[in-house]
Amino acid sequence: MPQLLANEKELNSFVEKASQEKPNAKDGLGSTEIIRSFLERNTKELGLPLSESSDAAVLFYDSVFADVAKEKDGVELEKEDLAKLMKDILEKMAEQLELNPVYQEFA
């Protein structure tokens, strides 16, 4: 994930993909929920733990998004703000994983 954060072009590509999901999202879903859903579906590509793989993974996602939700929950964001929010979320995830790695088994 640090490589993604350092590579602006690749990061922008992910933001673009996430922002394309916005029109298809259920009504009432805020930007944070759309981003969380997108990240949980793209865990392998991003090097994130699978959200349903363990209690630790669930707690990881919940803790990262709890902080963000307090600030941005239910807010409709434009593409530029969505990009900043996604980058902030990915940075928080990288920090959390560095401090508390989430281990999982691969079958």
PDB file of N, CA and C in Angstrom:
ATOM      1  N   MET A   1       0.799  -1.198   0.000  1.00  0.00           N
ATOM      2  CA  MET A   1       0.000   0.000   0.000  1.00  0.00           C
ATOM      3  C   MET A   1       0.851   1.276   0.000  1.00  0.00           C
ATOM      4  N   PRO A   2       1.998   1.297   0.675  1.00  0.00           N
ATOM      5  CA  PRO A   2       2.826   2.507   0.610  1.00  0.00           C
ATOM      6  C   PRO A   2       3.211   2.871  -0.829  1.00  0.00           C
ATOM      7  N   GLN A   3       3.400   1.841  -1.681  1.00  0.00           N
ATOM      8  CA  GLN A   3       3.740   2.112  -3.074  1.00  0.00           C
ATOM      9  C   GLN A   3       2.588   2.838  -3.767  1.00  0.00           C
ATOM     10  N   LEU A   4       1.363   2.432  -3.449  1.00  0.00           N
ATOM     11  CA  LEU A   4       0.191   3.071  -4.043  1.00  0.00           C
ATOM     12  C   LEU A   4       0.113   4.533  -3.612  1.00  0.00           C
ATOM     13  N   LEU A   5       0.345   4.789  -2.342  1.00  0.00           N
ATOM     14  CA  LEU A   5       0.280   6.163  -1.840  1.00  0.00           C
ATOM     15  C   LEU A   5       1.365   7.033  -2.464  1.00  0.00           C
ATOM     16  N   ALA A   6       2.508   6.437  -2.780  1.00  0.00           N
ATOM     17  CA  ALA A   6       3.609   7.184  -3.378  1.00  0.00           C
ATOM     18  C   ALA A   6       3.416   7.394  -4.877  1.00  0.00           C
ATOM     19  N   ASN A   7       2.612   6.544  -5.506  1.00  0.00           N
ATOM     20  CA  ASN A   7       2.397   6.620  -6.949  1.00  0.00           C
ATOM     21  C   ASN A   7       1.088   7.359  -7.230  1.00  0.00           C
ATOM     22  N   GLU A   8       1.194   8.644  -7.511  1.00  0.00           N
ATOM     23  CA  GLU A   8       0.020   9.504  -7.708  1.00  0.00           C
ATOM     24  C   GLU A   8      -0.866   9.009  -8.856  1.00  0.00           C
ATOM     25  N   LYS A   9      -0.244   8.523  -9.927  1.00  0.00           N
ATOM     26  CA  LYS A   9      -1.006   8.063 -11.092  1.00  0.00           C
ATOM     27  C   LYS A   9      -1.856   6.844 -10.735  1.00  0.00           C
ATOM     28  N   GLU A  10      -1.254   5.884 -10.040  1.00  0.00           N
ATOM     29  CA  GLU A  10      -1.972   4.676  -9.639  1.00  0.00           C
ATOM     30  C   GLU A  10      -3.067   5.007  -8.622  1.00  0.00           C
ATOM     31  N   LEU A  11      -2.748   5.895  -7.702  1.00  0.00           N
ATOM     32  CA  LEU A  11      -3.731   6.317  -6.706  1.00  0.00           C
ATOM     33  C   LEU A  11      -4.922   6.982  -7.389  1.00  0.00           C
ATOM     34  N   ASN A  12      -4.648   7.853  -8.344  1.00  0.00           N
ATOM     35  CA  ASN A  12      -5.724   8.519  -9.082  1.00  0.00           C
ATOM     36  C   ASN A  12      -6.586   7.519  -9.838  1.00  0.00           C
ATOM     37  N   SER A  13      -5.973   6.454 -10.332  1.00  0.00           N
ATOM     38  CA  SER A  13      -6.717   5.405 -11.021  1.00  0.00           C
ATOM     39  C   SER A  13      -7.713   4.735 -10.072  1.00  0.00           C
ATOM     40  N   PHE A  14      -7.266   4.441  -8.840  1.00  0.00           N
ATOM     41  CA  PHE A  14      -8.163   3.838  -7.851  1.00  0.00           C
ATOM     42  C   PHE A  14      -9.275   4.799  -7.453  1.00  0.00           C
ATOM     43  N   VAL A  15      -8.940   6.065  -7.303  1.00  0.00           N
ATOM     44  CA  VAL A  15      -9.948   7.070  -6.955  1.00  0.00           C
ATOM     45  C   VAL A  15     -10.988   7.157  -8.066  1.00  0.00           C
ATOM     46  N   GLU A  16     -10.519   7.114  -9.299  1.00  0.00           N
ATOM     47  CA  GLU A  16     -11.429   7.160 -10.449  1.00  0.00           C
ATOM     48  C   GLU A  16     -12.390   5.974 -10.418  1.00  0.00           C
ATOM     49  N   LYS A  17     -11.856   4.783 -10.156  1.00  0.00           N
ATOM     50  CA  LYS A  17     -12.705   3.588 -10.075  1.00  0.00           C
ATOM     51  C   LYS A  17     -13.732   3.723  -8.962  1.00  0.00           C
ATOM     52  N   ALA A  18     -13.302   4.220  -7.818  1.00  0.00           N
ATOM     53  CA  ALA A  18     -14.216   4.386  -6.675  1.00  0.00           C
ATOM     54  C   ALA A  18     -15.282   5.428  -6.979  1.00  0.00           C
ATOM     55  N   SER A  19     -14.899   6.509  -7.623  1.00  0.00           N
ATOM     56  CA  SER A  19     -15.872   7.563  -7.921  1.00  0.00           C
ATOM     57  C   SER A  19     -16.888   7.110  -8.963  1.00  0.00           C
ATOM     58  N   GLN A  20     -16.519   6.160  -9.811  1.00  0.00           N
ATOM     59  CA  GLN A  20     -17.461   5.627 -10.795  1.00  0.00           C
ATOM     60  C   GLN A  20     -18.541   4.782 -10.132  1.00  0.00           C
ATOM     61  N   GLU A  21     -18.271   4.306  -8.920  1.00  0.00           N
ATOM     62  CA  GLU A  21     -19.258   3.497  -8.207  1.00  0.00           C
ATOM     63  C   GLU A  21     -20.337   4.352  -7.562  1.00  0.00           C
ATOM     64  N   LYS A  22     -20.049   5.615  -7.398  1.00  0.00           N
ATOM     65  CA  LYS A  22     -20.974   6.515  -6.710  1.00  0.00           C
ATOM     66  C   LYS A  22     -22.372   6.526  -7.337  1.00  0.00           C
ATOM     67  N   PRO A  23     -22.500   6.673  -8.661  1.00  0.00           N
ATOM     68  CA  PRO A  23     -23.847   6.675  -9.245  1.00  0.00           C
ATOM     69  C   PRO A  23     -24.580   5.339  -9.074  1.00  0.00           C
ATOM     70  N   ASN A  24     -23.836   4.247  -8.945  1.00  0.00           N
ATOM     71  CA  ASN A  24     -24.450   2.925  -8.807  1.00  0.00           C
ATOM     72  C   ASN A  24     -24.755   2.562  -7.363  1.00  0.00           C
ATOM     73  N   ALA A  25     -24.284   3.385  -6.433  1.00  0.00           N
ATOM     74  CA  ALA A  25     -24.481   3.086  -5.010  1.00  0.00           C
ATOM     75  C   ALA A  25     -25.939   3.288  -4.620  1.00  0.00           C
ATOM     76  N   LYS A  26     -26.330   2.569  -3.587  1.00  0.00           N
ATOM     77  CA  LYS A  26     -27.685   2.713  -3.071  1.00  0.00           C
ATOM     78  C   LYS A  26     -27.880   4.133  -2.569  1.00  0.00           C
ATOM     79  N   ASP A  27     -29.101   4.630  -2.718  1.00  0.00           N
ATOM     80  CA  ASP A  27     -29.412   5.957  -2.189  1.00  0.00           C
ATOM     81  C   ASP A  27     -29.162   5.984  -0.696  1.00  0.00           C
ATOM     82  N   GLY A  28     -28.646   7.081  -0.227  1.00  0.00           N
ATOM     83  CA  GLY A  28     -28.408   7.225   1.199  1.00  0.00           C
ATOM     84  C   GLY A  28     -27.015   6.803   1.632  1.00  0.00           C
ATOM     85  N   LEU A  29     -26.282   6.141   0.744  1.00  0.00           N
ATOM     86  CA  LEU A  29     -24.913   5.762   1.100  1.00  0.00           C
ATOM     87  C   LEU A  29     -24.020   6.988   0.979  1.00  0.00           C
ATOM     88  N   GLY A  30     -23.296   7.272   2.038  1.00  0.00           N
ATOM     89  CA  GLY A  30     -22.366   8.388   2.006  1.00  0.00           C
ATOM     90  C   GLY A  30     -21.064   7.986   1.342  1.00  0.00           C
ATOM     91  N   SER A  31     -20.215   8.958   1.154  1.00  0.00           N
ATOM     92  CA  SER A  31     -18.935   8.715   0.489  1.00  0.00           C
ATOM     93  C   SER A  31     -18.073   7.709   1.242  1.00  0.00           C
ATOM     94  N   THR A  32     -18.109   7.751   2.578  1.00  0.00           N
ATOM     95  CA  THR A  32     -17.275   6.818   3.340  1.00  0.00           C
ATOM     96  C   THR A  32     -17.722   5.380   3.130  1.00  0.00           C
ATOM     97  N   GLU A  33     -19.038   5.164   3.057  1.00  0.00           N
ATOM     98  CA  GLU A  33     -19.541   3.802   2.830  1.00  0.00           C
ATOM     99  C   GLU A  33     -19.178   3.301   1.439  1.00  0.00           C
ATOM    100  N   ILE A  34     -19.235   4.202   0.466  1.00  0.00           N
ATOM    101  CA  ILE A  34     -18.876   3.833  -0.907  1.00  0.00           C
ATOM    102  C   ILE A  34     -17.394   3.459  -0.971  1.00  0.00           C
ATOM    103  N   ILE A  35     -16.552   4.256  -0.322  1.00  0.00           N
ATOM    104  CA  ILE A  35     -15.113   3.965  -0.312  1.00  0.00           C
ATOM    105  C   ILE A  35     -14.836   2.658   0.417  1.00  0.00           C
ATOM    106  N   ARG A  36     -15.480   2.452   1.561  1.00  0.00           N
ATOM    107  CA  ARG A  36     -15.251   1.216   2.318  1.00  0.00           C
ATOM    108  C   ARG A  36     -15.642   0.002   1.481  1.00  0.00           C
ATOM    109  N   SER A  37     -16.797   0.073   0.859  1.00  0.00           N
ATOM    110  CA  SER A  37     -17.257  -1.033   0.019  1.00  0.00           C
ATOM    111  C   SER A  37     -16.266  -1.301  -1.110  1.00  0.00           C
ATOM    112  N   PHE A  38     -15.791  -0.243  -1.749  1.00  0.00           N
ATOM    113  CA  PHE A  38     -14.825  -0.374  -2.835  1.00  0.00           C
ATOM    114  C   PHE A  38     -13.525  -1.015  -2.342  1.00  0.00           C
ATOM    115  N   LEU A  39     -13.011  -0.542  -1.216  1.00  0.00           N
ATOM    116  CA  LEU A  39     -11.752  -1.075  -0.681  1.00  0.00           C
ATOM    117  C   LEU A  39     -11.892  -2.535  -0.269  1.00  0.00           C
ATOM    118  N   GLU A  40     -13.030  -2.880   0.329  1.00  0.00           N
ATOM    119  CA  GLU A  40     -13.243  -4.265   0.755  1.00  0.00           C
ATOM    120  C   GLU A  40     -13.337  -5.211  -0.440  1.00  0.00           C
ATOM    121  N   ARG A  41     -13.819  -4.723  -1.572  1.00  0.00           N
ATOM    122  CA  ARG A  41     -13.898  -5.562  -2.771  1.00  0.00           C
ATOM    123  C   ARG A  41     -12.562  -5.647  -3.511  1.00  0.00           C
ATOM    124  N   ASN A  42     -11.655  -4.736  -3.224  1.00  0.00           N
ATOM    125  CA  ASN A  42     -10.370  -4.688  -3.926  1.00  0.00           C
ATOM    126  C   ASN A  42      -9.191  -4.929  -2.989  1.00  0.00           C
ATOM    127  N   THR A  43      -9.407  -5.759  -1.974  1.00  0.00           N
ATOM    128  CA  THR A  43      -8.374  -6.001  -0.965  1.00  0.00           C
ATOM    129  C   THR A  43      -7.099  -6.588  -1.556  1.00  0.00           C
ATOM    130  N   LYS A  44      -7.264  -7.554  -2.429  1.00  0.00           N
ATOM    131  CA  LYS A  44      -6.095  -8.245  -2.992  1.00  0.00           C
ATOM    132  C   LYS A  44      -5.222  -7.265  -3.774  1.00  0.00           C
ATOM    133  N   GLU A  45      -5.852  -6.457  -4.598  1.00  0.00           N
ATOM    134  CA  GLU A  45      -5.125  -5.499  -5.426  1.00  0.00           C
ATOM    135  C   GLU A  45      -4.395  -4.448  -4.580  1.00  0.00           C
ATOM    136  N   LEU A  46      -4.990  -4.106  -3.439  1.00  0.00           N
ATOM    137  CA  LEU A  46      -4.432  -3.065  -2.579  1.00  0.00           C
ATOM    138  C   LEU A  46      -3.528  -3.603  -1.477  1.00  0.00           C
ATOM    139  N   GLY A  47      -3.513  -4.928  -1.317  1.00  0.00           N
ATOM    140  CA  GLY A  47      -2.709  -5.517  -0.253  1.00  0.00           C
ATOM    141  C   GLY A  47      -3.327  -5.343   1.124  1.00  0.00           C
ATOM    142  N   LEU A  48      -4.647  -5.245   1.167  1.00  0.00           N
ATOM    143  CA  LEU A  48      -5.364  -5.096   2.432  1.00  0.00           C
ATOM    144  C   LEU A  48      -5.872  -6.447   2.904  1.00  0.00           C
ATOM    145  N   PRO A  49      -6.106  -6.589   4.209  1.00  0.00           N
ATOM    146  CA  PRO A  49      -6.680  -7.851   4.698  1.00  0.00           C
ATOM    147  C   PRO A  49      -8.127  -7.998   4.224  1.00  0.00           C
ATOM    148  N   LEU A  50      -8.526  -9.235   3.971  1.00  0.00           N
ATOM    149  CA  LEU A  50      -9.914  -9.500   3.601  1.00  0.00           C
ATOM    150  C   LEU A  50     -10.790  -9.142   4.789  1.00  0.00           C
ATOM    151  N   SER A  51     -11.828  -8.375   4.552  1.00  0.00           N
ATOM    152  CA  SER A  51     -12.632  -7.867   5.664  1.00  0.00           C
ATOM    153  C   SER A  51     -13.339  -8.965   6.436  1.00  0.00           C
ATOM    154  N   GLU A  52     -13.684 -10.059   5.761  1.00  0.00           N
ATOM    155  CA  GLU A  52     -14.390 -11.120   6.476  1.00  0.00           C
ATOM    156  C   GLU A  52     -13.476 -12.269   6.887  1.00  0.00           C
ATOM    157  N   SER A  53     -12.173 -12.082   6.793  1.00  0.00           N
ATOM    158  CA  SER A  53     -11.243 -13.179   7.078  1.00  0.00           C
ATOM    159  C   SER A  53     -11.065 -13.464   8.564  1.00  0.00           C
ATOM    160  N   SER A  54     -11.239 -12.447   9.402  1.00  0.00           N
ATOM    161  CA  SER A  54     -11.046 -12.654  10.840  1.00  0.00           C
ATOM    162  C   SER A  54     -11.653 -11.495  11.617  1.00  0.00           C
ATOM    163  N   ASP A  55     -11.788 -11.716  12.920  1.00  0.00           N
ATOM    164  CA  ASP A  55     -12.280 -10.640  13.780  1.00  0.00           C
ATOM    165  C   ASP A  55     -11.321  -9.455  13.755  1.00  0.00           C
ATOM    166  N   ALA A  56     -10.026  -9.743  13.685  1.00  0.00           N
ATOM    167  CA  ALA A  56      -9.022  -8.676  13.657  1.00  0.00           C
ATOM    168  C   ALA A  56      -9.193  -7.797  12.416  1.00  0.00           C
ATOM    169  N   ALA A  57      -9.506  -8.417  11.284  1.00  0.00           N
ATOM    170  CA  ALA A  57      -9.705  -7.658  10.051  1.00  0.00           C
ATOM    171  C   ALA A  57     -10.949  -6.780  10.152  1.00  0.00           C
ATOM    172  N   VAL A  58     -12.017  -7.327  10.717  1.00  0.00           N
ATOM    173  CA  VAL A  58     -13.252  -6.553  10.893  1.00  0.00           C
ATOM    174  C   VAL A  58     -12.982  -5.356  11.801  1.00  0.00           C
ATOM    175  N   LEU A  59     -12.271  -5.599  12.899  1.00  0.00           N
ATOM    176  CA  LEU A  59     -11.930  -4.509  13.822  1.00  0.00           C
ATOM    177  C   LEU A  59     -11.043  -3.463  13.152  1.00  0.00           C
ATOM    178  N   PHE A  60     -10.144  -3.921  12.301  1.00  0.00           N
ATOM    179  CA  PHE A  60      -9.267  -3.013  11.562  1.00  0.00           C
ATOM    180  C   PHE A  60     -10.096  -2.045  10.715  1.00  0.00           C
ATOM    181  N   TYR A  61     -10.996  -2.583   9.892  1.00  0.00           N
ATOM    182  CA  TYR A  61     -11.837  -1.737   9.040  1.00  0.00           C
ATOM    183  C   TYR A  61     -12.726  -0.828   9.881  1.00  0.00           C
ATOM    184  N   ASP A  62     -13.332  -1.392  10.925  1.00  0.00           N
ATOM    185  CA  ASP A  62     -14.218  -0.596  11.780  1.00  0.00           C
ATOM    186  C   ASP A  62     -13.479   0.569  12.428  1.00  0.00           C
ATOM    187  N   SER A  63     -12.261   0.318  12.910  1.00  0.00           N
ATOM    188  CA  SER A  63     -11.521   1.390  13.591  1.00  0.00           C
ATOM    189  C   SER A  63     -11.108   2.493  12.622  1.00  0.00           C
ATOM    190  N   VAL A  64     -10.660   2.124  11.436  1.00  0.00           N
ATOM    191  CA  VAL A  64     -10.260   3.129  10.449  1.00  0.00           C
ATOM    192  C   VAL A  64     -11.462   3.973  10.041  1.00  0.00           C
ATOM    193  N   PHE A  65     -12.567   3.317   9.755  1.00  0.00           N
ATOM    194  CA  PHE A  65     -13.727   4.048   9.252  1.00  0.00           C
ATOM    195  C   PHE A  65     -14.528   4.739  10.349  1.00  0.00           C
ATOM    196  N   ALA A  66     -14.363   4.344  11.599  1.00  0.00           N
ATOM    197  CA  ALA A  66     -15.057   5.028  12.697  1.00  0.00           C
ATOM    198  C   ALA A  66     -14.570   6.472  12.798  1.00  0.00           C
ATOM    199  N   ASP A  67     -13.264   6.664  12.697  1.00  0.00           N
ATOM    200  CA  ASP A  67     -12.708   8.022  12.760  1.00  0.00           C
ATOM    201  C   ASP A  67     -13.175   8.862  11.582  1.00  0.00           C
ATOM    202  N   VAL A  68     -13.148   8.283  10.402  1.00  0.00           N
ATOM    203  CA  VAL A  68     -13.523   9.006   9.195  1.00  0.00           C
ATOM    204  C   VAL A  68     -15.012   9.332   9.212  1.00  0.00           C
ATOM    205  N   ALA A  69     -15.822   8.386   9.656  1.00  0.00           N
ATOM    206  CA  ALA A  69     -17.270   8.567   9.649  1.00  0.00           C
ATOM    207  C   ALA A  69     -17.694   9.740  10.524  1.00  0.00           C
ATOM    208  N   LYS A  70     -16.983   9.956  11.615  1.00  0.00           N
ATOM    209  CA  LYS A  70     -17.318  11.078  12.499  1.00  0.00           C
ATOM    210  C   LYS A  70     -17.219  12.404  11.754  1.00  0.00           C
ATOM    211  N   GLU A  71     -16.230  12.493  10.885  1.00  0.00           N
ATOM    212  CA  GLU A  71     -15.987  13.745  10.172  1.00  0.00           C
ATOM    213  C   GLU A  71     -16.822  13.874   8.898  1.00  0.00           C
ATOM    214  N   LYS A  72     -16.945  12.791   8.158  1.00  0.00           N
ATOM    215  CA  LYS A  72     -17.480  12.884   6.796  1.00  0.00           C
ATOM    216  C   LYS A  72     -18.757  12.085   6.554  1.00  0.00           C
ATOM    217  N   ASP A  73     -19.324  11.480   7.576  1.00  0.00           N
ATOM    218  CA  ASP A  73     -20.445  10.572   7.362  1.00  0.00           C
ATOM    219  C   ASP A  73     -21.630  11.277   6.718  1.00  0.00           C
ATOM    220  N   GLY A  74     -22.156  10.655   5.697  1.00  0.00           N
ATOM    221  CA  GLY A  74     -23.343  11.157   5.032  1.00  0.00           C
ATOM    222  C   GLY A  74     -23.100  12.358   4.133  1.00  0.00           C
ATOM    223  N   VAL A  75     -21.862  12.782   4.027  1.00  0.00           N
ATOM    224  CA  VAL A  75     -21.546  13.949   3.218  1.00  0.00           C
ATOM    225  C   VAL A  75     -21.292  13.507   1.781  1.00  0.00           C
ATOM    226  N   GLU A  76     -21.961  14.192   0.849  1.00  0.00           N
ATOM    227  CA  GLU A  76     -21.714  13.920  -0.564  1.00  0.00           C
ATOM    228  C   GLU A  76     -20.473  14.701  -0.979  1.00  0.00           C
ATOM    229  N   LEU A  77     -19.488  14.018  -1.485  1.00  0.00           N
ATOM    230  CA  LEU A  77     -18.239  14.674  -1.849  1.00  0.00           C
ATOM    231  C   LEU A  77     -18.058  14.714  -3.359  1.00  0.00           C
ATOM    232  N   GLU A  78     -17.469  15.789  -3.812  1.00  0.00           N
ATOM    233  CA  GLU A  78     -17.093  15.894  -5.213  1.00  0.00           C
ATOM    234  C   GLU A  78     -15.853  15.038  -5.436  1.00  0.00           C
ATOM    235  N   LYS A  79     -15.521  14.813  -6.696  1.00  0.00           N
ATOM    236  CA  LYS A  79     -14.422  13.914  -7.046  1.00  0.00           C
ATOM    237  C   LYS A  79     -13.104  14.304  -6.367  1.00  0.00           C
ATOM    238  N   GLU A  80     -12.788  15.582  -6.346  1.00  0.00           N
ATOM    239  CA  GLU A  80     -11.523  16.033  -5.751  1.00  0.00           C
ATOM    240  C   GLU A  80     -11.491  15.744  -4.246  1.00  0.00           C
ATOM    241  N   ASP A  81     -12.615  16.009  -3.566  1.00  0.00           N
ATOM    242  CA  ASP A  81     -12.696  15.739  -2.131  1.00  0.00           C
ATOM    243  C   ASP A  81     -12.710  14.239  -1.858  1.00  0.00           C
ATOM    244  N   LEU A  82     -13.347  13.496  -2.753  1.00  0.00           N
ATOM    245  CA  LEU A  82     -13.377  12.037  -2.632  1.00  0.00           C
ATOM    246  C   LEU A  82     -11.954  11.483  -2.734  1.00  0.00           C
ATOM    247  N   ALA A  83     -11.162  12.042  -3.636  1.00  0.00           N
ATOM    248  CA  ALA A  83      -9.768  11.613  -3.800  1.00  0.00           C
ATOM    249  C   ALA A  83      -8.974  11.880  -2.526  1.00  0.00           C
ATOM    250  N   LYS A  84      -9.159  13.044  -1.934  1.00  0.00           N
ATOM    251  CA  LYS A  84      -8.452  13.380  -0.698  1.00  0.00           C
ATOM    252  C   LYS A  84      -8.886  12.453   0.430  1.00  0.00           C
ATOM    253  N   LEU A  85     -10.190  12.195   0.536  1.00  0.00           N
ATOM    254  CA  LEU A  85     -10.701  11.314   1.579  1.00  0.00           C
ATOM    255  C   LEU A  85     -10.146   9.903   1.413  1.00  0.00           C
ATOM    256  N   MET A  86     -10.128   9.403   0.177  1.00  0.00           N
ATOM    257  CA  MET A  86      -9.620   8.055  -0.065  1.00  0.00           C
ATOM    258  C   MET A  86      -8.136   7.972   0.290  1.00  0.00           C
ATOM    259  N   LYS A  87      -7.381   8.991  -0.069  1.00  0.00           N
ATOM    260  CA  LYS A  87      -5.958   9.006   0.269  1.00  0.00           C
ATOM    261  C   LYS A  87      -5.777   9.029   1.786  1.00  0.00           C
ATOM    262  N   ASP A  88      -6.577   9.836   2.477  1.00  0.00           N
ATOM    263  CA  ASP A  88      -6.512   9.887   3.947  1.00  0.00           C
ATOM    264  C   ASP A  88      -6.820   8.525   4.554  1.00  0.00           C
ATOM    265  N   ILE A  89      -7.843   7.862   4.022  1.00  0.00           N
ATOM    266  CA  ILE A  89      -8.233   6.540   4.526  1.00  0.00           C
ATOM    267  C   ILE A  89      -7.107   5.536   4.301  1.00  0.00           C
ATOM    268  N   LEU A  90      -6.524   5.535   3.106  1.00  0.00           N
ATOM    269  CA  LEU A  90      -5.430   4.609   2.811  1.00  0.00           C
ATOM    270  C   LEU A  90      -4.219   4.878   3.706  1.00  0.00           C
ATOM    271  N   GLU A  91      -3.949   6.151   3.995  1.00  0.00           N
ATOM    272  CA  GLU A  91      -2.844   6.481   4.894  1.00  0.00           C
ATOM    273  C   GLU A  91      -3.125   5.968   6.303  1.00  0.00           C
ATOM    274  N   LYS A  92      -4.369   6.124   6.773  1.00  0.00           N
ATOM    275  CA  LYS A  92      -4.739   5.606   8.094  1.00  0.00           C
ATOM    276  C   LYS A  92      -4.610   4.091   8.128  1.00  0.00           C
ATOM    277  N   MET A  93      -5.011   3.439   7.041  1.00  0.00           N
ATOM    278  CA  MET A  93      -4.903   1.980   6.973  1.00  0.00           C
ATOM    279  C   MET A  93      -3.442   1.553   7.035  1.00  0.00           C
ATOM    280  N   ALA A  94      -2.591   2.243   6.293  1.00  0.00           N
ATOM    281  CA  ALA A  94      -1.163   1.908   6.292  1.00  0.00           C
ATOM    282  C   ALA A  94      -0.573   2.083   7.690  1.00  0.00           C
ATOM    283  N   GLU A  95      -0.939   3.172   8.366  1.00  0.00           N
ATOM    284  CA  GLU A  95      -0.453   3.403   9.729  1.00  0.00           C
ATOM    285  C   GLU A  95      -0.925   2.300  10.671  1.00  0.00           C
ATOM    286  N   GLN A  96      -2.218   1.972  10.590  1.00  0.00           N
ATOM    287  CA  GLN A  96      -2.793   0.942  11.460  1.00  0.00           C
ATOM    288  C   GLN A  96      -2.126  -0.412  11.229  1.00  0.00           C
ATOM    289  N   LEU A  97      -1.930  -0.762   9.959  1.00  0.00           N
ATOM    290  CA  LEU A  97      -1.324  -2.057   9.645  1.00  0.00           C
ATOM    291  C   LEU A  97       0.132  -2.116  10.092  1.00  0.00           C
ATOM    292  N   GLU A  98       0.808  -0.974  10.052  1.00  0.00           N
ATOM    293  CA  GLU A  98       2.194  -0.944  10.511  1.00  0.00           C
ATOM    294  C   GLU A  98       2.257  -1.143  12.028  1.00  0.00           C
ATOM    295  N   LEU A  99       1.334  -0.506  12.744  1.00  0.00           N
ATOM    296  CA  LEU A  99       1.295  -0.622  14.206  1.00  0.00           C
ATOM    297  C   LEU A  99       0.737  -1.964  14.664  1.00  0.00           C
ATOM    298  N   ASN A 100      -0.311  -2.423  13.996  1.00  0.00           N
ATOM    299  CA  ASN A 100      -1.006  -3.659  14.372  1.00  0.00           C
ATOM    300  C   ASN A 100      -1.283  -4.498  13.130  1.00  0.00           C
ATOM    301  N   PRO A 101      -0.315  -5.269  12.672  1.00  0.00           N
ATOM    302  CA  PRO A 101      -0.533  -6.086  11.474  1.00  0.00           C
ATOM    303  C   PRO A 101      -1.713  -7.047  11.660  1.00  0.00           C
ATOM    304  N   VAL A 102      -2.442  -7.252  10.580  1.00  0.00           N
ATOM    305  CA  VAL A 102      -3.552  -8.211  10.586  1.00  0.00           C
ATOM    306  C   VAL A 102      -3.085  -9.419   9.792  1.00  0.00           C
ATOM    307  N   TYR A 103      -2.950 -10.533  10.492  1.00  0.00           N
ATOM    308  CA  TYR A 103      -2.480 -11.758   9.846  1.00  0.00           C
ATOM    309  C   TYR A 103      -3.674 -12.586   9.412  1.00  0.00           C
ATOM    310  N   GLN A 104      -3.520 -13.240   8.269  1.00  0.00           N
ATOM    311  CA  GLN A 104      -4.578 -14.118   7.793  1.00  0.00           C
ATOM    312  C   GLN A 104      -3.969 -15.279   7.039  1.00  0.00           C
ATOM    313  N   GLU A 105      -4.723 -16.348   7.005  1.00  0.00           N
ATOM    314  CA  GLU A 105      -4.260 -17.544   6.306  1.00  0.00           C
ATOM    315  C   GLU A 105      -4.821 -17.551   4.898  1.00  0.00           C
ATOM    316  N   PHE A 106      -3.996 -17.998   3.975  1.00  0.00           N
ATOM    317  CA  PHE A 106      -4.438 -18.150   2.598  1.00  0.00           C
ATOM    318  C   PHE A 106      -4.532 -19.631   2.295  1.00  0.00           C
ATOM    319  N   ALA A 107      -5.673 -20.025   1.770  1.00  0.00           N
ATOM    320  CA  ALA A 107      -5.880 -21.454   1.483  1.00  0.00           C
ATOM    321  C   ALA A 107      -5.209 -21.849   0.198  1.00  0.00           C
TER     322      ALA A 107
END
